[in-house]
Amino acid sequence: QVQLVASGGGLVQAGGSLRLSCTDSRRIPDTYTMGWFRQDSGKEREFVAAITWTTDIAYYADSVKDRFTISRDSAKNTVYLQMDSLKPEDTGVYYCVRDPQNGPRIWGQGTQVTVSS
């Protein structure tokens, strides 16, 4: 059974940085995309960033572009999300996701990010 373990969340002041990690218990197939979503209380889960596993193409939500950077380490089956210039509106639970593109997504357990003003 695939298991995604996310870590790196925490409490940070506005303008600060955090780096999230998500490690997949299994090898990630070349055709997959790994990504991050977030959800704040009372809001819908929203897309943050994604990266294609083989071609290393990154996609970002407009709200995080130029502040967040997604990257991957294929040898470690790990995807990272470097978050800089954090804002209070970045607060939420961040979930990593394993996306096969033509099947159901698999979600990690989430890690809490809280940005204080």
C-alpha atoms as a PDB file:
ATOM      1  CA  GLN A   1       0.000   0.000   0.000  1.00  0.00           C
ATOM      2  CA  VAL A   2       1.338   3.383  -0.983  1.00  0.00           C
ATOM      3  CA  GLN A   3       2.031   5.697   1.916  1.00  0.00           C
ATOM      4  CA  LEU A   4       2.958   9.362   1.693  1.00  0.00           C
ATOM      5  CA  VAL A   5       4.560  10.893   4.772  1.00  0.00           C
ATOM      6  CA  ALA A   6       4.669  14.677   4.903  1.00  0.00           C
ATOM      7  CA  SER A   7       6.718  16.744   7.315  1.00  0.00           C
ATOM      8  CA  GLY A   8       8.167  20.206   7.807  1.00  0.00           C
ATOM      9  CA  GLY A   9       5.138  22.212   8.820  1.00  0.00           C
ATOM     10  CA  GLY A  10       5.108  24.559  11.758  1.00  0.00           C
ATOM     11  CA  LEU A  11       4.483  28.053  13.039  1.00  0.00           C
ATOM     12  CA  VAL A  12       6.305  30.919  11.354  1.00  0.00           C
ATOM     13  CA  GLN A  13       5.992  34.685  11.239  1.00  0.00           C
ATOM     14  CA  ALA A  14       4.935  36.449   8.059  1.00  0.00           C
ATOM     15  CA  GLY A  15       7.897  36.837   5.751  1.00  0.00           C
ATOM     16  CA  GLY A  16       9.504  33.659   7.022  1.00  0.00           C
ATOM     17  CA  SER A  17      10.237  30.364   5.302  1.00  0.00           C
ATOM     18  CA  LEU A  18       9.429  26.698   5.689  1.00  0.00           C
ATOM     19  CA  ARG A  19      10.404  23.617   3.708  1.00  0.00           C
ATOM     20  CA  LEU A  20       7.947  20.770   3.432  1.00  0.00           C
ATOM     21  CA  SER A  21       8.954  17.236   2.517  1.00  0.00           C
ATOM     22  CA  CYS A  22       6.846  14.308   1.371  1.00  0.00           C
ATOM     23  CA  THR A  23       8.330  10.843   1.013  1.00  0.00           C
ATOM     24  CA  ASP A  24       6.594   8.068  -0.881  1.00  0.00           C
ATOM     25  CA  SER A  25       6.978   4.568   0.508  1.00  0.00           C
ATOM     26  CA  ARG A  26       7.151   3.178  -3.009  1.00  0.00           C
ATOM     27  CA  ARG A  27       9.025   4.124  -6.142  1.00  0.00           C
ATOM     28  CA  ILE A  28       7.231   6.841  -8.052  1.00  0.00           C
ATOM     29  CA  PRO A  29       6.581   5.812 -11.685  1.00  0.00           C
ATOM     30  CA  ASP A  30       7.989   8.031 -14.390  1.00  0.00           C
ATOM     31  CA  THR A  31       4.581   9.091 -15.717  1.00  0.00           C
ATOM     32  CA  TYR A  32       3.334  10.345 -12.367  1.00  0.00           C
ATOM     33  CA  THR A  33       3.033  13.876 -11.058  1.00  0.00           C
ATOM     34  CA  MET A  34       3.608  14.764  -7.416  1.00  0.00           C
ATOM     35  CA  GLY A  35       1.999  17.810  -5.935  1.00  0.00           C
ATOM     36  CA  TRP A  36       0.893  19.840  -2.975  1.00  0.00           C
ATOM     37  CA  PHE A  37      -2.559  21.079  -2.050  1.00  0.00           C
ATOM     38  CA  ARG A  38      -3.622  23.027   1.007  1.00  0.00           C
ATOM     39  CA  GLN A  39      -6.792  23.489   2.978  1.00  0.00           C
ATOM     40  CA  ASP A  40      -7.594  26.079   5.597  1.00  0.00           C
ATOM     41  CA  SER A  41     -10.497  25.595   7.985  1.00  0.00           C
ATOM     42  CA  GLY A  42     -13.824  26.333   6.354  1.00  0.00           C
ATOM     43  CA  LYS A  43     -12.327  26.470   2.883  1.00  0.00           C
ATOM     44  CA  GLU A  44     -12.013  24.053   0.011  1.00  0.00           C
ATOM     45  CA  ARG A  45      -8.778  22.250  -0.676  1.00  0.00           C
ATOM     46  CA  GLU A  46      -6.800  24.168  -3.271  1.00  0.00           C
ATOM     47  CA  PHE A  47      -3.931  23.414  -5.594  1.00  0.00           C
ATOM     48  CA  VAL A  48      -0.538  24.825  -4.639  1.00  0.00           C
ATOM     49  CA  ALA A  49       2.132  23.262  -6.843  1.00  0.00           C
ATOM     50  CA  ALA A  50       2.970  20.139  -8.827  1.00  0.00           C
ATOM     51  CA  ILE A  51       5.954  18.614 -10.592  1.00  0.00           C
ATOM     52  CA  THR A  52       6.169  15.976 -13.285  1.00  0.00           C
ATOM     53  CA  TRP A  53       8.370  13.191 -12.030  1.00  0.00           C
ATOM     54  CA  THR A  54      10.527  12.536 -15.072  1.00  0.00           C
ATOM     55  CA  THR A  55      10.515  15.793 -17.012  1.00  0.00           C
ATOM     56  CA  ASP A  56      10.755  17.960 -13.874  1.00  0.00           C
ATOM     57  CA  ILE A  57       8.209  20.509 -15.102  1.00  0.00           C
ATOM     58  CA  ALA A  58       6.734  22.589 -12.288  1.00  0.00           C
ATOM     59  CA  TYR A  59       3.305  24.176 -12.021  1.00  0.00           C
ATOM     60  CA  TYR A  60       2.190  26.740  -9.453  1.00  0.00           C
ATOM     61  CA  ALA A  61      -0.969  28.421  -8.306  1.00  0.00           C
ATOM     62  CA  ASP A  62      -0.872  32.139  -9.053  1.00  0.00           C
ATOM     63  CA  SER A  63      -1.067  32.888  -5.330  1.00  0.00           C
ATOM     64  CA  VAL A  64       2.288  31.210  -4.623  1.00  0.00           C
ATOM     65  CA  LYS A  65       4.183  31.822  -7.848  1.00  0.00           C
ATOM     66  CA  ASP A  66       7.595  33.424  -7.259  1.00  0.00           C
ATOM     67  CA  ARG A  67       7.425  32.578  -3.525  1.00  0.00           C
ATOM     68  CA  PHE A  68       7.222  28.784  -3.480  1.00  0.00           C
ATOM     69  CA  THR A  69       9.468  26.276  -5.225  1.00  0.00           C
ATOM     70  CA  ILE A  70       8.637  22.624  -5.762  1.00  0.00           C
ATOM     71  CA  SER A  71      11.430  20.140  -6.345  1.00  0.00           C
ATOM     72  CA  ARG A  72      12.041  16.422  -6.211  1.00  0.00           C
ATOM     73  CA  ASP A  73      14.676  13.852  -5.371  1.00  0.00           C
ATOM     74  CA  SER A  74      13.850  10.746  -7.367  1.00  0.00           C
ATOM     75  CA  ALA A  75      16.456   8.652  -5.556  1.00  0.00           C
ATOM     76  CA  LYS A  76      14.670   9.336  -2.272  1.00  0.00           C
ATOM     77  CA  ASN A  77      11.122   9.253  -3.695  1.00  0.00           C
ATOM     78  CA  THR A  78      10.687  12.643  -2.077  1.00  0.00           C
ATOM     79  CA  VAL A  79       9.065  15.877  -3.176  1.00  0.00           C
ATOM     80  CA  TYR A  80       9.815  19.192  -1.485  1.00  0.00           C
ATOM     81  CA  LEU A  81       8.033  22.496  -1.227  1.00  0.00           C
ATOM     82  CA  GLN A  82      10.230  25.447  -0.328  1.00  0.00           C
ATOM     83  CA  MET A  83       7.994  28.249   0.901  1.00  0.00           C
ATOM     84  CA  ASP A  84       9.466  31.734   1.191  1.00  0.00           C
ATOM     85  CA  SER A  85       7.943  35.129   1.956  1.00  0.00           C
ATOM     86  CA  LEU A  86       5.106  33.403   3.738  1.00  0.00           C
ATOM     87  CA  LYS A  87       1.859  35.268   4.297  1.00  0.00           C
ATOM     88  CA  PRO A  88      -0.940  34.669   6.814  1.00  0.00           C
ATOM     89  CA  GLU A  89      -3.148  33.540   3.929  1.00  0.00           C
ATOM     90  CA  ASP A  90      -0.742  30.647   3.328  1.00  0.00           C
ATOM     91  CA  THR A  91      -1.966  29.111   6.589  1.00  0.00           C
ATOM     92  CA  GLY A  92      -3.520  25.668   6.266  1.00  0.00           C
ATOM     93  CA  VAL A  93      -2.938  21.952   6.231  1.00  0.00           C
ATOM     94  CA  TYR A  94      -0.649  21.048   3.350  1.00  0.00           C
ATOM     95  CA  TYR A  95      -1.217  17.699   1.676  1.00  0.00           C
ATOM     96  CA  CYS A  96       1.056  15.989  -0.771  1.00  0.00           C
ATOM     97  CA  VAL A  97      -0.534  13.947  -3.519  1.00  0.00           C
ATOM     98  CA  ARG A  98       0.591  11.158  -5.839  1.00  0.00           C
ATOM     99  CA  ASP A  99      -1.171  11.637  -9.165  1.00  0.00           C
ATOM    100  CA  PRO A 100      -1.038   8.937 -11.840  1.00  0.00           C
ATOM    101  CA  GLN A 101      -2.840  11.237 -14.309  1.00  0.00           C
ATOM    102  CA  ASN A 102      -5.206   8.439 -15.357  1.00  0.00           C
ATOM    103  CA  GLY A 103      -6.337   7.029 -12.033  1.00  0.00           C
ATOM    104  CA  PRO A 104      -7.194   7.934  -8.444  1.00  0.00           C
ATOM    105  CA  ARG A 105      -4.920  10.262  -6.524  1.00  0.00           C
ATOM    106  CA  ILE A 106      -3.304   9.116  -3.311  1.00  0.00           C
ATOM    107  CA  TRP A 107      -3.090  11.688  -0.519  1.00  0.00           C
ATOM    108  CA  GLY A 108      -0.659  12.057   2.341  1.00  0.00           C
ATOM    109  CA  GLN A 109      -1.729  12.773   5.907  1.00  0.00           C
ATOM    110  CA  GLY A 110      -1.076  16.519   5.790  1.00  0.00           C
ATOM    111  CA  THR A 111       1.164  18.851   7.735  1.00  0.00           C
ATOM    112  CA  GLN A 112      -0.002  22.063   9.416  1.00  0.00           C
ATOM    113  CA  VAL A 113       1.463  25.399   8.354  1.00  0.00           C
ATOM    114  CA  THR A 114       0.551  28.449  10.416  1.00  0.00           C
ATOM    115  CA  VAL A 115       1.754  31.921   9.444  1.00  0.00           C
ATOM    116  CA  SER A 116       1.288  34.624  12.046  1.00  0.00           C
ATOM    117  CA  SER A 117       0.975  38.289  11.137  1.00  0.00           C
END
